[in-house]
Amino acid sequence: MPTAEDVKARIEASIPGATAEVQSPDNVHFNARVVSEAFAGLSRIEQHRLVYAAFEGELGAAIHALQLKTETP
């Protein structure tokens, strides 16, 4: 079962230069705020897809929910 630190590390590893703040009350439901230059020019949906790509196959399983807030610096 992933922890908030695991989710943070995965996001930051998959999006170079990104910073993530991740919280989880139960290591199943996660809230993340991700800031990255990579989001510049992308729609909100494209930004979220970029983050979700780091968890292919895990969303809905080990990670039941991942609520995102994405921003550019």
Protein backbone atom coordinates (compact mmCIF):
# COMPACT_ATOMS: atom_id res chain seq x y z
CA MET A 1 0.00 0.00 0.00
CA PRO A 2 1.57 3.33 -1.05
CA THR A 3 2.11 6.19 1.38
CA ALA A 4 1.79 9.91 0.71
CA GLU A 5 5.60 10.04 0.44
CA ASP A 6 5.54 7.24 -2.17
CA VAL A 7 2.96 9.11 -4.25
CA LYS A 8 4.95 12.36 -3.95
CA ALA A 9 8.15 10.62 -5.09
CA ARG A 10 6.40 8.99 -8.08
CA ILE A 11 4.92 12.30 -9.25
CA GLU A 12 8.20 14.17 -8.90
CA ALA A 13 10.12 11.37 -10.68
CA SER A 14 7.68 11.20 -13.59
CA ILE A 15 7.53 14.98 -14.20
CA PRO A 16 11.05 16.43 -14.09
CA GLY A 17 11.20 19.68 -12.12
CA ALA A 18 7.78 19.17 -10.53
CA THR A 19 7.14 19.68 -6.85
CA ALA A 20 4.31 17.86 -5.16
CA GLU A 21 2.58 18.13 -1.80
CA VAL A 22 0.63 14.98 -1.03
CA GLN A 23 -1.65 14.15 1.89
CA SER A 24 -3.56 11.02 2.74
CA PRO A 25 -5.68 10.19 5.77
CA ASP A 26 -5.61 6.45 5.05
CA ASN A 27 -3.01 5.62 2.34
CA VAL A 28 -5.84 4.83 -0.09
CA HIS A 29 -7.30 8.29 -0.76
CA PHE A 30 -4.78 10.98 -1.73
CA ASN A 31 -4.86 14.74 -2.29
CA ALA A 32 -2.00 16.23 -4.29
CA ARG A 33 -0.96 19.73 -5.27
CA VAL A 34 1.53 19.59 -8.13
CA VAL A 35 3.46 22.57 -9.49
CA SER A 36 5.40 22.20 -12.73
CA GLU A 37 6.60 24.20 -15.74
CA ALA A 38 5.56 21.14 -17.79
CA PHE A 39 1.93 22.22 -17.34
CA ALA A 40 2.43 25.48 -19.25
CA GLY A 41 0.12 25.62 -22.25
CA LEU A 42 -1.76 22.46 -21.28
CA SER A 43 -5.44 22.28 -20.42
CA ARG A 44 -6.38 21.22 -16.89
CA ILE A 45 -7.35 17.78 -18.25
CA GLU A 46 -3.99 17.39 -19.99
CA GLN A 47 -2.19 18.42 -16.81
CA HIS A 48 -4.07 15.81 -14.79
CA ARG A 49 -3.44 13.12 -17.40
CA LEU A 50 0.28 13.88 -17.17
CA VAL A 51 0.19 13.20 -13.43
CA TYR A 52 -2.11 10.16 -13.71
CA ALA A 53 0.31 8.58 -16.22
CA ALA A 54 2.71 7.95 -13.32
CA PHE A 55 0.15 5.59 -11.77
CA GLU A 56 -1.00 3.57 -14.78
CA GLY A 57 -2.91 0.52 -13.57
CA GLU A 58 -2.84 1.55 -9.90
CA LEU A 59 -5.65 4.11 -9.83
CA GLY A 60 -8.80 2.43 -8.60
CA ALA A 61 -6.74 -0.38 -7.06
CA ALA A 62 -3.90 0.31 -4.58
CA ILE A 63 -4.66 4.01 -4.98
CA HIS A 64 -8.42 4.26 -4.69
CA ALA A 65 -8.59 8.01 -5.36
CA LEU A 66 -6.18 10.76 -6.31
CA GLN A 67 -7.55 14.30 -6.14
CA LEU A 68 -5.34 16.77 -7.99
CA LYS A 69 -4.68 20.47 -8.03
CA THR A 70 -2.17 21.35 -10.74
CA GLU A 71 -0.44 24.69 -11.23
CA THR A 72 2.38 26.33 -13.13
CA PRO A 73 4.95 28.29 -11.10
